[in-house]
Amino acid sequence: MCASRAGAWVLGRTTAVAVAMGKCSLSDEEVKLFAPSVPYGQWDPNWDGVVRDRGLRKQRLPTRHILLIRHGQYDESHKEDALRRLTDLGEQQAKLTGERLRDMLDGSSARVRLRCSTMTRARETCEIIKPYLPARTIVEPPDPNLAEGRPAQAIPGRPFDANLVHKDGTRIEKAYRSLFYRALQPTPQDDPDHEWDVVVCHGNVIRYMAMRAVQLPPEAWLRLCTFNCSITYVIVRPSGSVSLRTLGDIGHLPTKLVSFSAHQAFEW
């Protein structure tokens, strides 16, 4: 068994947290289940491994606002990613999501960063959203670690292929750690109290990150639902406290534009 501040490996089905941290490796035969550093129901105050000295605690540090946007509806009739482009409905969803983000950021002078997955549907959604964001927005290159995949085994349910979960989970955990952390340095902006990350990615990735952020079992990710162009909103305060403000919010979309992949509206 190998341990980390984030948790440890125990016998069971697998995520890839410890592997992602470089603390251990797994053979194809070793299938593991993630266990937290403290029992579920309790909170690990040092979940990101940050040791804050007195000088750092006295600094004025920003609250991090993380917006996880699922891509718009796309054409699922092709296997090649390049052909899995947004449908007309998906483009409309993305435009309305851009308008919603513009409203959320209106009046803020905080730093804004825009990230997206390398997959076609996420990049297209990102391009539609981008003009609605403040001109100061920092646009980062597409991140392959944000691509869709199987982030963890799903309980309840039949086990996924352990090797696939190992591969995808390692990658998605790296993406999670690149986004979820306490700010360590003051933000050199007119608004030093806040910073925003807008991330366009995928349903499985978002569900996994939401569970990890609030320190609940990541194997429960498939119990959550995120509609196309929904907004999942998490804040991380300098103290290390984490709050899931919204999960899969679609209040900006009229019912006729609501979809979950090929499913329309709610009765499916």
Protein backbone atom coordinates (compact mmCIF):
# COMPACT_ATOMS: atom_id res chain seq x y z
CA MET A 1 0.00 0.00 0.00
CA CYS A 2 1.17 3.55 -0.67
CA ALA A 3 -0.10 6.64 1.09
CA SER A 4 -0.30 10.36 0.35
CA ARG A 5 -1.70 13.45 1.99
CA ALA A 6 -4.71 13.16 -0.33
CA GLY A 7 -5.44 9.57 0.68
CA ALA A 8 -4.28 6.01 0.31
CA TRP A 9 -4.85 2.90 -1.75
CA VAL A 10 -6.84 0.01 -0.31
CA LEU A 11 -8.13 -3.21 -1.86
CA GLY A 12 -11.14 -2.60 -4.06
CA ARG A 13 -11.84 -0.79 -7.32
CA THR A 14 -9.63 1.99 -8.60
CA THR A 15 -9.00 5.69 -8.97
CA ALA A 16 -5.53 7.04 -9.68
CA VAL A 17 -4.78 9.62 -7.02
CA ALA A 18 -1.59 8.13 -5.57
CA VAL A 19 -0.24 7.28 -9.03
CA ALA A 20 -0.93 10.84 -10.18
CA MET A 21 1.11 12.16 -7.27
CA GLY A 22 4.03 9.91 -8.19
CA LYS A 23 3.88 8.12 -4.85
CA CYS A 24 3.44 4.60 -6.19
CA SER A 25 2.74 2.49 -9.27
CA LEU A 26 0.24 -0.27 -9.92
CA SER A 27 0.54 -3.47 -11.89
CA ASP A 28 -2.29 -4.49 -14.20
CA GLU A 29 -3.42 -7.03 -11.61
CA GLU A 30 -3.61 -4.56 -8.71
CA VAL A 31 -7.03 -2.96 -8.68
CA LYS A 32 -7.50 -0.43 -5.92
CA LEU A 33 -10.09 1.81 -4.31
CA PHE A 34 -9.30 5.34 -3.13
CA ALA A 35 -9.47 5.93 0.62
CA PRO A 36 -9.26 9.45 2.08
CA SER A 37 -6.60 10.72 4.45
CA VAL A 38 -9.35 11.20 7.05
CA PRO A 39 -12.58 9.16 7.32
CA TYR A 40 -15.47 10.30 5.13
CA GLY A 41 -17.69 12.59 7.15
CA GLN A 42 -14.65 14.44 8.47
CA TRP A 43 -12.67 17.20 6.75
CA ASP A 44 -8.97 17.23 5.96
CA PRO A 45 -7.96 20.89 6.45
CA ASN A 46 -4.67 20.32 4.63
CA TRP A 47 -6.26 18.62 1.61
CA ASP A 48 -3.98 20.36 -0.90
CA GLY A 49 -0.81 19.73 1.11
CA VAL A 50 -0.18 23.43 1.69
CA VAL A 51 1.60 24.28 4.92
CA ARG A 52 0.94 27.95 5.63
CA ASP A 53 3.43 29.76 7.83
CA ARG A 54 2.43 32.76 9.89
CA GLY A 55 3.69 35.25 7.33
CA LEU A 56 1.59 33.69 4.60
CA ARG A 57 -1.51 33.62 6.79
CA LYS A 58 -1.21 37.37 7.31
CA GLN A 59 -1.15 38.13 3.58
CA ARG A 60 -4.27 39.19 1.73
CA LEU A 61 -4.88 36.23 -0.58
CA PRO A 62 -7.67 35.74 -3.12
CA THR A 63 -10.63 33.39 -3.05
CA ARG A 64 -10.54 31.09 -6.06
CA HIS A 65 -13.75 30.79 -8.11
CA ILE A 66 -13.78 27.70 -10.33
CA LEU A 67 -16.48 27.40 -13.01
CA LEU A 68 -16.68 23.98 -14.66
CA ILE A 69 -18.67 24.17 -17.90
CA ARG A 70 -19.80 21.04 -19.68
CA HIS A 71 -19.59 21.38 -23.48
CA GLY A 72 -22.68 21.86 -25.62
CA GLN A 73 -24.58 19.05 -27.32
CA TYR A 74 -22.57 17.45 -30.12
CA ASP A 75 -22.93 14.98 -32.99
CA GLU A 76 -22.42 11.51 -31.50
CA SER A 77 -22.87 9.64 -34.78
CA HIS A 78 -19.12 9.64 -35.51
CA LYS A 79 -16.25 7.93 -33.73
CA GLU A 80 -13.55 10.38 -34.84
CA ASP A 81 -13.24 13.29 -32.44
CA ALA A 82 -12.72 15.82 -35.24
CA LEU A 83 -16.20 14.99 -36.59
CA ARG A 84 -17.96 15.11 -33.22
CA ARG A 85 -18.81 18.78 -33.57
CA LEU A 86 -21.46 20.86 -31.83
CA THR A 87 -25.00 20.61 -33.12
CA ASP A 88 -27.04 23.74 -33.78
CA LEU A 89 -28.57 23.20 -30.35
CA GLY A 90 -25.11 22.91 -28.81
CA GLU A 91 -24.08 26.24 -30.34
CA GLN A 92 -27.18 27.94 -28.95
CA GLN A 93 -26.46 26.47 -25.53
CA ALA A 94 -22.90 27.78 -25.65
CA LYS A 95 -24.01 31.30 -26.58
CA LEU A 96 -26.45 31.47 -23.68
CA THR A 97 -23.76 30.12 -21.36
CA GLY A 98 -21.43 32.88 -22.54
CA GLU A 99 -24.10 35.44 -21.72
CA ARG A 100 -24.52 33.93 -18.27
CA LEU A 101 -20.78 34.09 -17.60
CA ARG A 102 -20.69 37.69 -18.77
CA ASP A 103 -23.40 38.53 -16.24
CA MET A 104 -21.58 36.65 -13.45
CA LEU A 105 -18.35 38.54 -14.10
CA ASP A 106 -19.94 41.92 -14.72
CA GLY A 107 -18.44 44.51 -12.40
CA SER A 108 -15.54 42.31 -11.33
CA SER A 109 -11.96 43.39 -11.95
CA ALA A 110 -10.48 40.08 -10.80
CA ARG A 111 -8.16 37.90 -12.88
CA VAL A 112 -9.95 35.49 -15.23
CA ARG A 113 -8.41 32.45 -16.90
CA LEU A 114 -10.09 30.36 -19.60
CA ARG A 115 -9.16 26.71 -20.06
CA CYS A 116 -10.60 23.87 -22.09
CA SER A 117 -10.14 20.25 -23.03
CA THR A 118 -8.45 19.30 -26.30
CA MET A 119 -11.59 17.52 -27.55
CA THR A 120 -13.43 19.16 -30.45
CA ARG A 121 -16.75 19.70 -28.67
CA ALA A 122 -15.05 21.42 -25.74
CA ARG A 123 -12.84 23.61 -27.94
CA GLU A 124 -15.83 24.72 -30.03
CA THR A 125 -17.84 25.54 -26.90
CA CYS A 126 -14.88 27.48 -25.54
CA GLU A 127 -14.54 29.53 -28.73
CA ILE A 128 -18.21 30.52 -28.57
CA ILE A 129 -17.95 31.48 -24.89
CA LYS A 130 -14.68 33.41 -25.19
CA PRO A 131 -16.03 36.69 -26.68
CA TYR A 132 -18.41 37.07 -23.73
CA LEU A 133 -15.60 37.08 -21.16
CA PRO A 134 -13.70 40.21 -20.07
CA ALA A 135 -10.98 41.48 -22.39
CA ARG A 136 -8.40 40.84 -19.65
CA THR A 137 -9.13 37.09 -19.72
CA ILE A 138 -6.01 34.92 -20.00
CA VAL A 139 -6.66 32.15 -22.52
CA GLU A 140 -4.57 29.06 -21.86
CA PRO A 141 -3.79 26.29 -24.40
CA PRO A 142 -6.19 23.32 -24.49
CA ASP A 143 -5.28 20.79 -21.82
CA PRO A 144 -5.32 17.07 -22.75
CA ASN A 145 -5.69 16.16 -19.07
CA LEU A 146 -9.20 17.66 -19.18
CA ALA A 147 -10.35 15.25 -21.92
CA GLU A 148 -13.27 12.94 -21.21
CA GLY A 149 -12.70 9.53 -19.67
CA ARG A 150 -13.46 7.15 -16.82
CA PRO A 151 -12.09 9.02 -13.79
CA ALA A 152 -12.89 6.31 -11.24
CA GLN A 153 -14.91 3.17 -10.82
CA ALA A 154 -18.64 3.85 -10.38
CA ILE A 155 -20.47 2.50 -7.34
CA PRO A 156 -23.11 1.15 -7.69
CA GLY A 157 -22.55 -0.42 -11.08
CA ARG A 158 -20.54 -3.05 -12.91
CA PRO A 159 -16.79 -2.42 -12.81
CA PHE A 160 -15.16 -0.60 -15.69
CA ASP A 161 -11.96 -1.96 -17.20
CA ALA A 162 -9.33 -1.43 -14.51
CA ASN A 163 -6.59 -0.47 -16.96
CA LEU A 164 -8.79 2.19 -18.56
CA VAL A 165 -9.72 3.65 -15.18
CA HIS A 166 -6.06 3.61 -14.16
CA LYS A 167 -5.04 5.54 -17.29
CA ASP A 168 -7.91 8.03 -17.33
CA GLY A 169 -8.02 8.50 -13.57
CA THR A 170 -4.33 9.39 -13.40
CA ARG A 171 -4.76 12.04 -16.08
CA ILE A 172 -7.97 13.54 -14.69
CA GLU A 173 -6.56 13.68 -11.17
CA LYS A 174 -3.66 15.74 -12.55
CA ALA A 175 -6.20 18.12 -14.09
CA TYR A 176 -8.02 18.34 -10.77
CA ARG A 177 -4.82 19.25 -8.92
CA SER A 178 -4.00 21.94 -11.49
CA LEU A 179 -7.28 23.69 -10.63
CA PHE A 180 -8.15 22.98 -7.02
CA TYR A 181 -5.73 24.57 -4.57
CA ARG A 182 -5.54 27.49 -2.20
CA ALA A 183 -4.05 30.69 -3.58
CA LEU A 184 -0.49 31.10 -2.32
CA GLN A 185 0.32 34.54 -3.68
CA PRO A 186 -1.56 37.84 -3.76
CA THR A 187 -3.23 38.58 -7.09
CA PRO A 188 -1.71 41.67 -8.76
CA GLN A 189 -5.06 43.01 -9.97
CA ASP A 190 -7.42 45.82 -9.06
CA ASP A 191 -9.45 43.20 -7.19
CA PRO A 192 -6.96 41.28 -5.04
CA ASP A 193 -9.65 39.32 -3.21
CA HIS A 194 -10.79 37.05 -6.04
CA GLU A 195 -9.60 35.10 -9.08
CA TRP A 196 -11.64 33.07 -11.58
CA ASP A 197 -10.98 29.94 -13.61
CA VAL A 198 -13.49 29.15 -16.37
CA VAL A 199 -12.97 25.57 -17.50
CA VAL A 200 -14.79 24.00 -20.47
CA CYS A 201 -14.61 20.23 -20.26
CA HIS A 202 -16.76 17.12 -19.88
CA GLY A 203 -19.46 15.54 -17.76
CA ASN A 204 -17.44 12.72 -16.19
CA VAL A 205 -14.53 15.03 -15.45
CA ILE A 206 -16.80 17.59 -13.78
CA ARG A 207 -18.61 15.00 -11.68
CA TYR A 208 -15.33 13.53 -10.46
CA MET A 209 -13.90 16.95 -9.60
CA ALA A 210 -17.04 17.93 -7.69
CA MET A 211 -16.79 14.81 -5.51
CA ARG A 212 -13.06 15.27 -4.91
CA ALA A 213 -13.45 18.96 -4.08
CA VAL A 214 -15.91 18.33 -1.25
CA GLN A 215 -14.03 15.25 -0.02
CA LEU A 216 -16.73 12.70 -0.83
CA PRO A 217 -16.06 9.27 -2.40
CA PRO A 218 -15.02 9.83 -6.04
CA GLU A 219 -16.56 6.45 -6.91
CA ALA A 220 -19.97 8.15 -6.48
CA TRP A 221 -19.41 10.37 -9.55
CA LEU A 222 -21.94 8.58 -11.75
CA ARG A 223 -24.74 9.37 -9.29
CA LEU A 224 -24.49 13.03 -10.37
CA CYS A 225 -25.90 14.58 -13.55
CA THR A 226 -24.53 17.53 -15.52
CA PHE A 227 -26.52 18.73 -18.54
CA ASN A 228 -24.92 20.18 -21.65
CA CYS A 229 -23.54 23.68 -21.01
CA SER A 230 -24.37 23.42 -17.31
CA ILE A 231 -22.28 25.36 -14.80
CA THR A 232 -20.71 23.74 -11.75
CA TYR A 233 -19.36 26.43 -9.44
CA VAL A 234 -16.84 25.78 -6.66
CA ILE A 235 -15.00 28.27 -4.48
CA VAL A 236 -11.76 27.68 -2.57
CA ARG A 237 -11.01 30.22 0.15
CA PRO A 238 -7.48 31.05 1.38
CA SER A 239 -8.30 29.20 4.61
CA GLY A 240 -8.72 25.98 2.62
CA SER A 241 -12.49 25.78 3.00
CA VAL A 242 -14.32 24.60 -0.12
CA SER A 243 -17.92 25.27 -1.12
CA LEU A 244 -19.87 23.76 -4.02
CA ARG A 245 -22.12 26.68 -4.89
CA THR A 246 -23.88 25.05 -7.84
CA LEU A 247 -23.81 21.62 -9.47
CA GLY A 248 -24.88 21.42 -13.10
CA ASP A 249 -26.78 24.73 -13.08
CA ILE A 250 -28.87 25.24 -16.24
CA GLY A 251 -31.00 28.16 -15.09
CA HIS A 252 -29.67 30.18 -18.03
CA LEU A 253 -31.15 27.72 -20.56
CA PRO A 254 -34.85 27.60 -21.50
CA THR A 255 -36.37 24.12 -21.31
CA LYS A 256 -36.43 23.74 -25.10
CA LEU A 257 -32.63 24.12 -25.15
CA VAL A 258 -31.92 21.68 -22.29
CA SER A 259 -30.19 18.41 -23.20
CA PHE A 260 -28.14 15.63 -21.71
CA SER A 261 -26.26 14.30 -24.72
CA ALA A 262 -29.04 13.04 -27.06
CA HIS A 263 -31.75 13.35 -24.39
CA GLN A 264 -33.96 16.42 -24.57
CA ALA A 265 -35.30 18.35 -21.60
CA PHE A 266 -36.11 16.30 -18.47
CA GLU A 267 -38.42 13.36 -19.16
CA TRP A 268 -36.02 10.59 -20.12
